[in-house]
Amino acid sequence: MWLKLLSRSSIEDLIKPQLVNGSWRRPAIGGKQKADLRQYFQKAGVPWIYEKETPDVHFESTYNRKPKGSAVERNYEVRLASIRRALSTQDERLDKMRQEKIQSKPYKGYDRLMAGVLKALNQGEGEQKRGSAKQQMLAQRAVELAEKKSLGIKGTSKKQGSKSGITSKGGHFGKKEREVFEMTKGNLGYEMGGKHTSEDANEDKKTK
């Protein structure tokens, strides 16, 4: 049987479907016969070169692809790198944490006394700096006034009750406003009293 088939055409053509008169015909050597023939070649030590080797199913087929795995498996390398990085700086971070705990504790005994002394010294230095700054400002102002006097310029002085908006000793009214208010007050009292007030005054004078 094999000799008849091989005499017609090659094995490569016999194991493939053929197009005859515009229609496809199934291969002369079917699947079971092809498997038997391939087994004969393997026993004889002859390589099977009539078909291409199919690649691995897990890399080519979408139905039998390699499973994705869990999140732990997918992120294993990232987690491993982060753990190694944290371990590389572990000693420094532990020292920093211990130092912060020591600094957060309240002072006791001799340390408390020394902390109070240092605080007092720092306050004294701050007061000295503020006093020196104030003295410098006053000295600068005195120099400016001296320069103005030498040029014949008098310093500006604000008096109470002036028109610049500063109130007088009497209250929130200016001097002129207070005078006007007193004048209007007297006129109002005269109008309200009328002639009755003047007659009373004349009677008082007569009785005296």
C-alpha atoms as a PDB file:
ATOM      1  CA  MET A   1       0.000   0.000   0.000  1.00  0.00           C
ATOM      2  CA  TRP A   2       2.750   2.441   0.891  1.00  0.00           C
ATOM      3  CA  LEU A   3       4.643   1.666  -2.299  1.00  0.00           C
ATOM      4  CA  LYS A   4       1.621   2.457  -4.471  1.00  0.00           C
ATOM      5  CA  LEU A   5       1.006   5.733  -2.718  1.00  0.00           C
ATOM      6  CA  LEU A   6       4.644   6.809  -2.787  1.00  0.00           C
ATOM      7  CA  SER A   7       4.893   5.953  -6.475  1.00  0.00           C
ATOM      8  CA  ARG A   8       2.180   8.478  -7.248  1.00  0.00           C
ATOM      9  CA  SER A   9       3.678  11.534  -5.386  1.00  0.00           C
ATOM     10  CA  SER A  10       5.811  12.509  -2.417  1.00  0.00           C
ATOM     11  CA  ILE A  11       4.863  12.054   1.212  1.00  0.00           C
ATOM     12  CA  GLU A  12       4.667  15.821   1.735  1.00  0.00           C
ATOM     13  CA  ASP A  13       1.897  16.094  -0.891  1.00  0.00           C
ATOM     14  CA  LEU A  14       0.060  12.968   0.273  1.00  0.00           C
ATOM     15  CA  ILE A  15      -0.377  14.155   3.865  1.00  0.00           C
ATOM     16  CA  LYS A  16      -1.888  17.512   2.770  1.00  0.00           C
ATOM     17  CA  PRO A  17      -5.314  18.214   1.205  1.00  0.00           C
ATOM     18  CA  GLN A  18      -5.200  18.645  -2.586  1.00  0.00           C
ATOM     19  CA  LEU A  19      -7.086  21.058  -4.895  1.00  0.00           C
ATOM     20  CA  VAL A  20      -8.405  19.026  -7.849  1.00  0.00           C
ATOM     21  CA  ASN A  21     -10.586  20.646 -10.580  1.00  0.00           C
ATOM     22  CA  GLY A  22     -11.463  23.568  -8.331  1.00  0.00           C
ATOM     23  CA  SER A  23     -12.480  21.450  -5.310  1.00  0.00           C
ATOM     24  CA  TRP A  24     -10.509  20.420  -2.234  1.00  0.00           C
ATOM     25  CA  ARG A  25      -9.989  16.749  -1.559  1.00  0.00           C
ATOM     26  CA  ARG A  26      -8.885  15.203   1.678  1.00  0.00           C
ATOM     27  CA  PRO A  27      -5.287  13.933   1.949  1.00  0.00           C
ATOM     28  CA  ALA A  28      -4.485  10.437   0.675  1.00  0.00           C
ATOM     29  CA  ILE A  29      -2.707   9.587   3.929  1.00  0.00           C
ATOM     30  CA  GLY A  30      -5.077  10.277   6.818  1.00  0.00           C
ATOM     31  CA  GLY A  31      -4.250  11.132  10.374  1.00  0.00           C
ATOM     32  CA  LYS A  32      -3.981   7.548  11.707  1.00  0.00           C
ATOM     33  CA  GLN A  33      -1.909   6.402   8.735  1.00  0.00           C
ATOM     34  CA  LYS A  34       0.360   9.442   9.091  1.00  0.00           C
ATOM     35  CA  ALA A  35       0.912   8.624  12.764  1.00  0.00           C
ATOM     36  CA  ASP A  36       1.821   4.986  11.886  1.00  0.00           C
ATOM     37  CA  LEU A  37       4.183   6.140   9.157  1.00  0.00           C
ATOM     38  CA  ARG A  38       5.846   8.624  11.515  1.00  0.00           C
ATOM     39  CA  GLN A  39       6.306   5.858  14.062  1.00  0.00           C
ATOM     40  CA  TYR A  40       8.014   3.670  11.424  1.00  0.00           C
ATOM     41  CA  PHE A  41      10.400   6.534  10.629  1.00  0.00           C
ATOM     42  CA  GLN A  42      11.188   6.979  14.317  1.00  0.00           C
ATOM     43  CA  LYS A  43      11.973   3.260  14.771  1.00  0.00           C
ATOM     44  CA  ALA A  44      14.218   3.252  11.713  1.00  0.00           C
ATOM     45  CA  GLY A  45      16.082   6.341  12.957  1.00  0.00           C
ATOM     46  CA  VAL A  46      15.016   8.491  10.018  1.00  0.00           C
ATOM     47  CA  PRO A  47      14.018  12.110  10.867  1.00  0.00           C
ATOM     48  CA  TRP A  48      10.484  13.261  10.039  1.00  0.00           C
ATOM     49  CA  ILE A  49      10.956  16.352   7.872  1.00  0.00           C
ATOM     50  CA  TYR A  50       7.572  16.562   6.188  1.00  0.00           C
ATOM     51  CA  GLU A  51       5.838  18.702   8.810  1.00  0.00           C
ATOM     52  CA  LYS A  52       6.884  21.709  10.822  1.00  0.00           C
ATOM     53  CA  GLU A  53       7.170  21.243  14.537  1.00  0.00           C
ATOM     54  CA  THR A  54       4.336  22.952  16.414  1.00  0.00           C
ATOM     55  CA  PRO A  55       5.459  25.423  19.109  1.00  0.00           C
ATOM     56  CA  ASP A  56       4.617  25.118  22.764  1.00  0.00           C
ATOM     57  CA  VAL A  57       0.879  25.345  23.329  1.00  0.00           C
ATOM     58  CA  HIS A  58       1.211  27.670  26.367  1.00  0.00           C
ATOM     59  CA  PHE A  59       2.910  30.386  24.282  1.00  0.00           C
ATOM     60  CA  GLU A  60       0.821  30.202  21.110  1.00  0.00           C
ATOM     61  CA  SER A  61      -2.706  29.169  22.029  1.00  0.00           C
ATOM     62  CA  THR A  62      -5.004  31.735  23.644  1.00  0.00           C
ATOM     63  CA  TYR A  63      -7.065  28.982  25.247  1.00  0.00           C
ATOM     64  CA  ASN A  64      -4.189  27.181  26.964  1.00  0.00           C
ATOM     65  CA  ARG A  65      -1.977  30.158  27.812  1.00  0.00           C
ATOM     66  CA  LYS A  66       0.084  30.298  30.958  1.00  0.00           C
ATOM     67  CA  PRO A  67      -1.993  31.338  34.001  1.00  0.00           C
ATOM     68  CA  LYS A  68      -1.501  34.901  35.210  1.00  0.00           C
ATOM     69  CA  GLY A  69      -0.998  33.985  38.849  1.00  0.00           C
ATOM     70  CA  SER A  70      -1.967  35.808  42.045  1.00  0.00           C
ATOM     71  CA  ALA A  71      -1.001  39.368  42.962  1.00  0.00           C
ATOM     72  CA  VAL A  72       1.620  38.077  45.395  1.00  0.00           C
ATOM     73  CA  GLU A  73       3.298  36.044  42.675  1.00  0.00           C
ATOM     74  CA  ARG A  74       3.183  38.898  40.124  1.00  0.00           C
ATOM     75  CA  ASN A  75       4.618  41.490  42.542  1.00  0.00           C
ATOM     76  CA  TYR A  76       7.199  39.196  44.089  1.00  0.00           C
ATOM     77  CA  GLU A  77      10.222  40.898  42.509  1.00  0.00           C
ATOM     78  CA  VAL A  78       9.005  44.398  43.434  1.00  0.00           C
ATOM     79  CA  ARG A  79       8.362  43.391  47.034  1.00  0.00           C
ATOM     80  CA  LEU A  80      11.717  41.695  47.256  1.00  0.00           C
ATOM     81  CA  ALA A  81      13.500  44.848  46.004  1.00  0.00           C
ATOM     82  CA  SER A  82      11.628  47.077  48.493  1.00  0.00           C
ATOM     83  CA  ILE A  83      12.477  44.735  51.389  1.00  0.00           C
ATOM     84  CA  ARG A  84      16.157  44.739  50.431  1.00  0.00           C
ATOM     85  CA  ARG A  85      16.182  48.541  50.197  1.00  0.00           C
ATOM     86  CA  ALA A  86      14.549  48.841  53.632  1.00  0.00           C
ATOM     87  CA  LEU A  87      17.018  46.403  55.170  1.00  0.00           C
ATOM     88  CA  SER A  88      19.947  48.373  53.747  1.00  0.00           C
ATOM     89  CA  THR A  89      18.869  51.519  55.703  1.00  0.00           C
ATOM     90  CA  GLN A  90      17.555  49.701  58.781  1.00  0.00           C
ATOM     91  CA  ASP A  91      20.445  50.642  61.117  1.00  0.00           C
ATOM     92  CA  GLU A  92      20.221  54.369  60.321  1.00  0.00           C
ATOM     93  CA  ARG A  93      16.452  54.448  60.807  1.00  0.00           C
ATOM     94  CA  LEU A  94      16.708  52.593  64.126  1.00  0.00           C
ATOM     95  CA  ASP A  95      19.301  55.086  65.393  1.00  0.00           C
ATOM     96  CA  LYS A  96      17.092  57.986  64.338  1.00  0.00           C
ATOM     97  CA  MET A  97      14.057  56.481  66.087  1.00  0.00           C
ATOM     98  CA  ARG A  98      15.998  55.911  69.327  1.00  0.00           C
ATOM     99  CA  GLN A  99      17.360  59.476  69.231  1.00  0.00           C
ATOM    100  CA  GLU A 100      13.842  60.908  68.747  1.00  0.00           C
ATOM    101  CA  LYS A 101      12.554  58.885  71.724  1.00  0.00           C
ATOM    102  CA  ILE A 102      15.406  60.130  73.912  1.00  0.00           C
ATOM    103  CA  GLN A 103      14.790  63.756  72.912  1.00  0.00           C
ATOM    104  CA  SER A 104      11.040  63.458  73.540  1.00  0.00           C
ATOM    105  CA  LYS A 105      11.553  62.395  77.185  1.00  0.00           C
ATOM    106  CA  PRO A 106      11.357  65.185  79.846  1.00  0.00           C
ATOM    107  CA  TYR A 107      14.586  66.233  81.528  1.00  0.00           C
ATOM    108  CA  LYS A 108      15.328  64.925  85.023  1.00  0.00           C
ATOM    109  CA  GLY A 109      17.810  65.831  87.724  1.00  0.00           C
ATOM    110  CA  TYR A 110      21.047  67.392  86.506  1.00  0.00           C
ATOM    111  CA  ASP A 111      19.846  67.489  82.890  1.00  0.00           C
ATOM    112  CA  ARG A 112      16.809  69.528  83.934  1.00  0.00           C
ATOM    113  CA  LEU A 113      19.037  72.009  85.776  1.00  0.00           C
ATOM    114  CA  MET A 114      21.348  72.408  82.774  1.00  0.00           C
ATOM    115  CA  ALA A 115      18.404  72.860  80.420  1.00  0.00           C
ATOM    116  CA  GLY A 116      17.093  75.697  82.595  1.00  0.00           C
ATOM    117  CA  VAL A 117      20.510  77.380  82.654  1.00  0.00           C
ATOM    118  CA  LEU A 118      20.809  77.168  78.864  1.00  0.00           C
ATOM    119  CA  LYS A 119      17.303  78.586  78.447  1.00  0.00           C
ATOM    120  CA  ALA A 120      18.130  81.536  80.712  1.00  0.00           C
ATOM    121  CA  LEU A 121      21.356  82.224  78.811  1.00  0.00           C
ATOM    122  CA  ASN A 122      19.524  82.156  75.490  1.00  0.00           C
ATOM    123  CA  GLN A 123      16.898  84.577  76.806  1.00  0.00           C
ATOM    124  CA  GLY A 124      19.638  86.955  77.991  1.00  0.00           C
ATOM    125  CA  GLU A 125      21.281  86.903  74.580  1.00  0.00           C
ATOM    126  CA  GLY A 126      17.949  87.639  72.920  1.00  0.00           C
ATOM    127  CA  GLU A 127      17.288  90.615  75.191  1.00  0.00           C
ATOM    128  CA  GLN A 128      20.761  91.978  74.537  1.00  0.00           C
ATOM    129  CA  LYS A 129      20.194  91.723  70.798  1.00  0.00           C
ATOM    130  CA  ARG A 130      16.835  93.500  71.053  1.00  0.00           C
ATOM    131  CA  GLY A 131      18.360  96.252  73.240  1.00  0.00           C
ATOM    132  CA  SER A 132      21.257  96.780  70.875  1.00  0.00           C
ATOM    133  CA  ALA A 133      18.845  96.981  67.915  1.00  0.00           C
ATOM    134  CA  LYS A 134      16.753  99.604  69.734  1.00  0.00           C
ATOM    135  CA  GLN A 135      19.857 101.626  70.609  1.00  0.00           C
ATOM    136  CA  GLN A 136      20.998 101.507  66.988  1.00  0.00           C
ATOM    137  CA  MET A 137      17.586 102.734  65.825  1.00  0.00           C
ATOM    138  CA  LEU A 138      17.614 105.637  68.332  1.00  0.00           C
ATOM    139  CA  ALA A 139      21.170 106.587  67.364  1.00  0.00           C
ATOM    140  CA  GLN A 140      20.226 106.565  63.688  1.00  0.00           C
ATOM    141  CA  ARG A 141      17.201 108.759  64.394  1.00  0.00           C
ATOM    142  CA  ALA A 142      19.369 111.216  66.378  1.00  0.00           C
ATOM    143  CA  VAL A 143      21.831 111.414  63.476  1.00  0.00           C
ATOM    144  CA  GLU A 144      18.964 112.110  61.037  1.00  0.00           C
ATOM    145  CA  LEU A 145      17.596 114.893  63.275  1.00  0.00           C
ATOM    146  CA  ALA A 146      21.050 116.440  63.604  1.00  0.00           C
ATOM    147  CA  GLU A 147      21.460 116.440  59.828  1.00  0.00           C
ATOM    148  CA  LYS A 148      18.051 118.114  59.404  1.00  0.00           C
ATOM    149  CA  LYS A 149      18.924 120.802  61.981  1.00  0.00           C
ATOM    150  CA  SER A 150      22.205 121.482  60.248  1.00  0.00           C
ATOM    151  CA  LEU A 151      20.277 121.997  56.991  1.00  0.00           C
ATOM    152  CA  GLY A 152      17.718 124.251  58.708  1.00  0.00           C
ATOM    153  CA  ILE A 153      14.843 121.774  58.537  1.00  0.00           C
ATOM    154  CA  LYS A 154      12.612 121.536  61.600  1.00  0.00           C
ATOM    155  CA  GLY A 155      10.975 118.298  62.529  1.00  0.00           C
ATOM    156  CA  THR A 156       7.239 117.876  62.178  1.00  0.00           C
ATOM    157  CA  SER A 157       5.257 117.940  65.410  1.00  0.00           C
ATOM    158  CA  LYS A 158       1.640 116.928  65.792  1.00  0.00           C
ATOM    159  CA  LYS A 159      -0.396 118.953  68.288  1.00  0.00           C
ATOM    160  CA  GLN A 160      -3.541 117.838  69.984  1.00  0.00           C
ATOM    161  CA  GLY A 161      -6.736 119.060  68.375  1.00  0.00           C
ATOM    162  CA  SER A 162      -5.102 119.756  65.018  1.00  0.00           C
ATOM    163  CA  LYS A 163      -6.785 119.251  61.681  1.00  0.00           C
ATOM    164  CA  SER A 164      -4.829 116.092  60.989  1.00  0.00           C
ATOM    165  CA  GLY A 165      -7.483 114.028  62.725  1.00  0.00           C
ATOM    166  CA  ILE A 166      -5.922 113.938  66.217  1.00  0.00           C
ATOM    167  CA  THR A 167      -8.516 114.536  68.935  1.00  0.00           C
ATOM    168  CA  SER A 168      -8.280 117.299  71.518  1.00  0.00           C
ATOM    169  CA  LYS A 169      -8.342 116.980  75.285  1.00  0.00           C
ATOM    170  CA  GLY A 170     -12.088 117.501  75.288  1.00  0.00           C
ATOM    171  CA  GLY A 171     -12.913 114.330  73.430  1.00  0.00           C
ATOM    172  CA  HIS A 172     -13.342 113.230  69.856  1.00  0.00           C
ATOM    173  CA  PHE A 173     -14.270 116.739  68.599  1.00  0.00           C
ATOM    174  CA  GLY A 174     -11.776 119.291  67.320  1.00  0.00           C
ATOM    175  CA  LYS A 175     -11.377 122.733  68.856  1.00  0.00           C
ATOM    176  CA  LYS A 176     -13.474 124.518  66.247  1.00  0.00           C
ATOM    177  CA  GLU A 177     -16.155 121.864  66.281  1.00  0.00           C
ATOM    178  CA  ARG A 178     -16.388 122.085  70.065  1.00  0.00           C
ATOM    179  CA  GLU A 179     -16.788 125.904  69.917  1.00  0.00           C
ATOM    180  CA  VAL A 180     -19.527 125.621  67.309  1.00  0.00           C
ATOM    181  CA  PHE A 181     -21.276 123.000  69.409  1.00  0.00           C
ATOM    182  CA  GLU A 182     -21.209 125.262  72.504  1.00  0.00           C
ATOM    183  CA  MET A 183     -22.612 128.197  70.497  1.00  0.00           C
ATOM    184  CA  THR A 184     -25.483 126.124  69.148  1.00  0.00           C
ATOM    185  CA  LYS A 185     -26.146 124.754  72.620  1.00  0.00           C
ATOM    186  CA  GLY A 186     -26.479 128.296  74.040  1.00  0.00           C
ATOM    187  CA  ASN A 187     -28.834 129.356  71.259  1.00  0.00           C
ATOM    188  CA  LEU A 188     -30.987 126.297  71.795  1.00  0.00           C
ATOM    189  CA  GLY A 189     -31.251 127.017  75.526  1.00  0.00           C
ATOM    190  CA  TYR A 190     -32.237 130.649  74.884  1.00  0.00           C
ATOM    191  CA  GLU A 191     -34.902 129.669  72.380  1.00  0.00           C
ATOM    192  CA  MET A 192     -36.315 126.971  74.632  1.00  0.00           C
ATOM    193  CA  GLY A 193     -36.349 129.286  77.687  1.00  0.00           C
ATOM    194  CA  GLY A 194     -37.680 132.330  75.770  1.00  0.00           C
ATOM    195  CA  LYS A 195     -38.700 135.469  77.610  1.00  0.00           C
ATOM    196  CA  HIS A 196     -39.597 133.571  80.748  1.00  0.00           C
ATOM    197  CA  THR A 197     -35.949 133.019  81.596  1.00  0.00           C
ATOM    198  CA  SER A 198     -35.106 136.740  81.199  1.00  0.00           C
ATOM    199  CA  GLU A 199     -38.048 137.844  83.377  1.00  0.00           C
ATOM    200  CA  ASP A 200     -37.002 135.431  86.105  1.00  0.00           C
ATOM    201  CA  ALA A 201     -33.546 136.907  86.021  1.00  0.00           C
ATOM    202  CA  ASN A 202     -34.925 140.472  86.398  1.00  0.00           C
ATOM    203  CA  GLU A 203     -37.084 139.451  89.371  1.00  0.00           C
ATOM    204  CA  ASP A 204     -34.095 137.895  91.071  1.00  0.00           C
ATOM    205  CA  LYS A 205     -32.127 141.143  90.647  1.00  0.00           C
ATOM    206  CA  LYS A 206     -34.997 143.211  92.178  1.00  0.00           C
ATOM    207  CA  THR A 207     -35.302 140.975  95.202  1.00  0.00           C
ATOM    208  CA  LYS A 208     -31.586 141.296  95.811  1.00  0.00           C
END
